[in-house]
Structures are given as structure tokens and as C-alpha cells.
Amino acid sequence: MNAGLLNVLDGVVDSPNRIVIMTTNHPEKLDPALIRPGRIDVVTHIGSVDAEQLRRLFLNFYPQVEVADSLPARFSEAVCELAIRPSPAHVQGYLLGYKHDPAAAVAR
């Protein structure tokens, strides 16, 4: 384990009101010294998105699309029909490819 990282997390220099967010795809590979109680207070699993989350991600990504428009629902339905259950990061990565064209994001 990198001692410098632990020193930063433990606060060699006092930094009150600090929130540190760590992410990993492989929590089982983390050094126990890094994730001991006192360093990590909350562990949250972020899994696959559901239909409503897909619709909301689409609307957040394309603020110009109206809530009543059919594009968000069509996008959600199309993704839910896939054999995979994507993560929020997968959805964001896909939508970035169609940053200025929400209709194309739905069509493809």
C-alpha cells in the first residue's frame, strides 16, 4: 500500500469537512489498510440501471428534450430489451457518442 495515499486519507494536514469518494470495480482487490473502519464510512454498490433511471439519465443528458416527448421512454424501452443490464457509466458513455443528437441515440 502506498504510504503517501494513506497519509493523505488520514489527514497529516488537518482538512475538516472533507469528503473523499473512492470507486472501484474490484473491491476484493483493495488493501485492507485502505478500507478499514474509520477510513471508509459508507460502502454503496451502484449496479445496473432500471427503466426509470434510464429515462431520467436521458432527460438529464438532453435538457432540451421535453419530459412529455416520446424519446426518453423509447430510449428506456430499447435499452431494457437488450440482453445486458448497463451501468450508469455505460449509459453515459453511449450518450456521449450522440451528445448533440438525442434522436440518433434512440435510433441506434
C-alpha atoms as a PDB file:
ATOM      1  CA  MET A   1       0.000   0.000   0.000  1.00  0.00           C
ATOM      2  CA  ASN A   2       1.221   3.475  -0.831  1.00  0.00           C
ATOM      3  CA  ALA A   3       2.029   5.242   2.450  1.00  0.00           C
ATOM      4  CA  GLY A   4       1.531   8.641   0.798  1.00  0.00           C
ATOM      5  CA  LEU A   5      -2.068   7.796  -0.076  1.00  0.00           C
ATOM      6  CA  LEU A   6      -2.771   6.653   3.483  1.00  0.00           C
ATOM      7  CA  ASN A   7      -1.207   9.849   4.860  1.00  0.00           C
ATOM      8  CA  VAL A   8      -3.472  11.948   2.647  1.00  0.00           C
ATOM      9  CA  LEU A   9      -6.553   9.988   3.701  1.00  0.00           C
ATOM     10  CA  ASP A  10      -5.669  10.066   7.389  1.00  0.00           C
ATOM     11  CA  GLY A  11      -5.070  13.797   7.311  1.00  0.00           C
ATOM     12  CA  VAL A  12      -1.422  14.528   8.039  1.00  0.00           C
ATOM     13  CA  VAL A  13      -2.564  18.063   7.281  1.00  0.00           C
ATOM     14  CA  ASP A  14      -5.850  18.803   9.014  1.00  0.00           C
ATOM     15  CA  SER A  15      -8.651  19.193   6.477  1.00  0.00           C
ATOM     16  CA  PRO A  16     -12.008  19.360   8.268  1.00  0.00           C
ATOM     17  CA  ASN A  17     -15.270  18.888   6.415  1.00  0.00           C
ATOM     18  CA  ARG A  18     -13.593  16.837   3.717  1.00  0.00           C
ATOM     19  CA  ILE A  19     -15.478  14.170   1.808  1.00  0.00           C
ATOM     20  CA  VAL A  20     -13.467  11.625  -0.152  1.00  0.00           C
ATOM     21  CA  ILE A  21     -15.190   9.435  -2.712  1.00  0.00           C
ATOM     22  CA  MET A  22     -13.426   6.316  -3.915  1.00  0.00           C
ATOM     23  CA  THR A  23     -14.645   3.985  -6.626  1.00  0.00           C
ATOM     24  CA  THR A  24     -13.545   0.565  -7.772  1.00  0.00           C
ATOM     25  CA  ASN A  25     -14.780  -2.271  -9.915  1.00  0.00           C
ATOM     26  CA  HIS A  26     -12.882  -4.757  -7.755  1.00  0.00           C
ATOM     27  CA  PRO A  27     -13.319  -4.079  -4.030  1.00  0.00           C
ATOM     28  CA  GLU A  28     -11.933  -7.510  -3.222  1.00  0.00           C
ATOM     29  CA  LYS A  29      -8.515  -6.397  -4.517  1.00  0.00           C
ATOM     30  CA  LEU A  30      -8.208  -3.402  -2.182  1.00  0.00           C
ATOM     31  CA  ASP A  31      -5.665  -3.464   0.616  1.00  0.00           C
ATOM     32  CA  PRO A  32      -7.436  -3.867   3.990  1.00  0.00           C
ATOM     33  CA  ALA A  33      -5.429  -0.897   5.316  1.00  0.00           C
ATOM     34  CA  LEU A  34      -7.151   1.316   2.752  1.00  0.00           C
ATOM     35  CA  ILE A  35     -10.699   0.281   3.587  1.00  0.00           C
ATOM     36  CA  ARG A  36     -10.554  -0.192   7.345  1.00  0.00           C
ATOM     37  CA  PRO A  37     -13.286   1.340   9.533  1.00  0.00           C
ATOM     38  CA  GLY A  38     -12.527   4.995  10.092  1.00  0.00           C
ATOM     39  CA  ARG A  39     -11.256   5.487   6.568  1.00  0.00           C
ATOM     40  CA  ILE A  40     -14.338   4.184   4.794  1.00  0.00           C
ATOM     41  CA  ASP A  41     -17.633   5.072   6.439  1.00  0.00           C
ATOM     42  CA  VAL A  42     -20.107   4.136   3.706  1.00  0.00           C
ATOM     43  CA  VAL A  43     -19.932   1.454   1.041  1.00  0.00           C
ATOM     44  CA  THR A  44     -22.503   1.633  -1.721  1.00  0.00           C
ATOM     45  CA  HIS A  45     -22.945  -0.737  -4.632  1.00  0.00           C
ATOM     46  CA  ILE A  46     -24.018   1.014  -7.822  1.00  0.00           C
ATOM     47  CA  GLY A  47     -25.475  -1.642 -10.062  1.00  0.00           C
ATOM     48  CA  SER A  48     -27.402  -1.669 -13.288  1.00  0.00           C
ATOM     49  CA  VAL A  49     -29.927   0.987 -14.166  1.00  0.00           C
ATOM     50  CA  ASP A  50     -33.647   0.299 -14.326  1.00  0.00           C
ATOM     51  CA  ALA A  51     -36.193   1.697 -16.792  1.00  0.00           C
ATOM     52  CA  GLU A  52     -36.980   4.840 -14.780  1.00  0.00           C
ATOM     53  CA  GLN A  53     -33.291   5.590 -14.215  1.00  0.00           C
ATOM     54  CA  LEU A  54     -32.661   5.225 -17.950  1.00  0.00           C
ATOM     55  CA  ARG A  55     -35.441   7.685 -18.697  1.00  0.00           C
ATOM     56  CA  ARG A  56     -34.081  10.165 -16.146  1.00  0.00           C
ATOM     57  CA  LEU A  57     -30.488   9.801 -17.378  1.00  0.00           C
ATOM     58  CA  PHE A  58     -31.682  10.547 -20.902  1.00  0.00           C
ATOM     59  CA  LEU A  59     -33.553  13.655 -19.754  1.00  0.00           C
ATOM     60  CA  ASN A  60     -30.576  14.859 -17.704  1.00  0.00           C
ATOM     61  CA  PHE A  61     -28.229  14.333 -20.620  1.00  0.00           C
ATOM     62  CA  TYR A  62     -30.539  16.098 -23.081  1.00  0.00           C
ATOM     63  CA  PRO A  63     -32.141  19.001 -21.170  1.00  0.00           C
ATOM     64  CA  GLN A  64     -33.639  20.297 -24.411  1.00  0.00           C
ATOM     65  CA  VAL A  65     -35.897  17.217 -24.637  1.00  0.00           C
ATOM     66  CA  GLU A  66     -39.306  17.688 -23.057  1.00  0.00           C
ATOM     67  CA  VAL A  67     -40.446  15.262 -20.353  1.00  0.00           C
ATOM     68  CA  ALA A  68     -43.591  14.544 -22.376  1.00  0.00           C
ATOM     69  CA  ASP A  69     -41.581  13.739 -25.521  1.00  0.00           C
ATOM     70  CA  SER A  70     -41.510  10.070 -26.529  1.00  0.00           C
ATOM     71  CA  LEU A  71     -37.701   9.910 -26.880  1.00  0.00           C
ATOM     72  CA  PRO A  72     -36.893   9.238 -23.190  1.00  0.00           C
ATOM     73  CA  ALA A  73     -39.435   6.402 -22.954  1.00  0.00           C
ATOM     74  CA  ARG A  74     -38.357   4.921 -26.284  1.00  0.00           C
ATOM     75  CA  PHE A  75     -34.711   5.032 -25.196  1.00  0.00           C
ATOM     76  CA  SER A  76     -35.525   3.335 -21.899  1.00  0.00           C
ATOM     77  CA  GLU A  77     -37.579   0.611 -23.602  1.00  0.00           C
ATOM     78  CA  ALA A  78     -34.880  -0.052 -26.214  1.00  0.00           C
ATOM     79  CA  VAL A  79     -32.159  -0.452 -23.578  1.00  0.00           C
ATOM     80  CA  CYS A  80     -34.367  -2.679 -21.408  1.00  0.00           C
ATOM     81  CA  GLU A  81     -34.851  -5.015 -24.373  1.00  0.00           C
ATOM     82  CA  LEU A  82     -31.091  -5.640 -24.608  1.00  0.00           C
ATOM     83  CA  ALA A  83     -29.559  -8.814 -23.222  1.00  0.00           C
ATOM     84  CA  ILE A  84     -27.263  -6.759 -20.979  1.00  0.00           C
ATOM     85  CA  ARG A  85     -28.092  -4.592 -17.966  1.00  0.00           C
ATOM     86  CA  PRO A  86     -25.881  -1.497 -18.318  1.00  0.00           C
ATOM     87  CA  SER A  87     -24.412   0.573 -15.526  1.00  0.00           C
ATOM     88  CA  PRO A  88     -24.941   4.339 -15.338  1.00  0.00           C
ATOM     89  CA  ALA A  89     -21.396   4.766 -16.684  1.00  0.00           C
ATOM     90  CA  HIS A  90     -22.170   2.601 -19.713  1.00  0.00           C
ATOM     91  CA  VAL A  91     -25.267   4.657 -20.468  1.00  0.00           C
ATOM     92  CA  GLN A  92     -23.369   7.923 -20.109  1.00  0.00           C
ATOM     93  CA  GLY A  93     -20.596   6.666 -22.382  1.00  0.00           C
ATOM     94  CA  TYR A  94     -23.142   5.694 -25.010  1.00  0.00           C
ATOM     95  CA  LEU A  95     -24.992   9.013 -24.814  1.00  0.00           C
ATOM     96  CA  LEU A  96     -21.727  10.942 -25.133  1.00  0.00           C
ATOM     97  CA  GLY A  97     -21.408   9.461 -28.606  1.00  0.00           C
ATOM     98  CA  TYR A  98     -24.639  11.250 -29.519  1.00  0.00           C
ATOM     99  CA  LYS A  99     -24.077  14.379 -27.452  1.00  0.00           C
ATOM    100  CA  HIS A 100     -25.968  16.685 -29.805  1.00  0.00           C
ATOM    101  CA  ASP A 101     -28.440  14.236 -31.311  1.00  0.00           C
ATOM    102  CA  PRO A 102     -30.887  12.608 -28.886  1.00  0.00           C
ATOM    103  CA  ALA A 103     -32.950  11.158 -31.746  1.00  0.00           C
ATOM    104  CA  ALA A 104     -29.875   9.325 -33.051  1.00  0.00           C
ATOM    105  CA  ALA A 105     -29.166   7.957 -29.556  1.00  0.00           C
ATOM    106  CA  VAL A 106     -32.620   6.379 -29.605  1.00  0.00           C
ATOM    107  CA  ALA A 107     -32.493   5.210 -33.216  1.00  0.00           C
ATOM    108  CA  ARG A 108     -29.245   3.302 -32.769  1.00  0.00           C
END
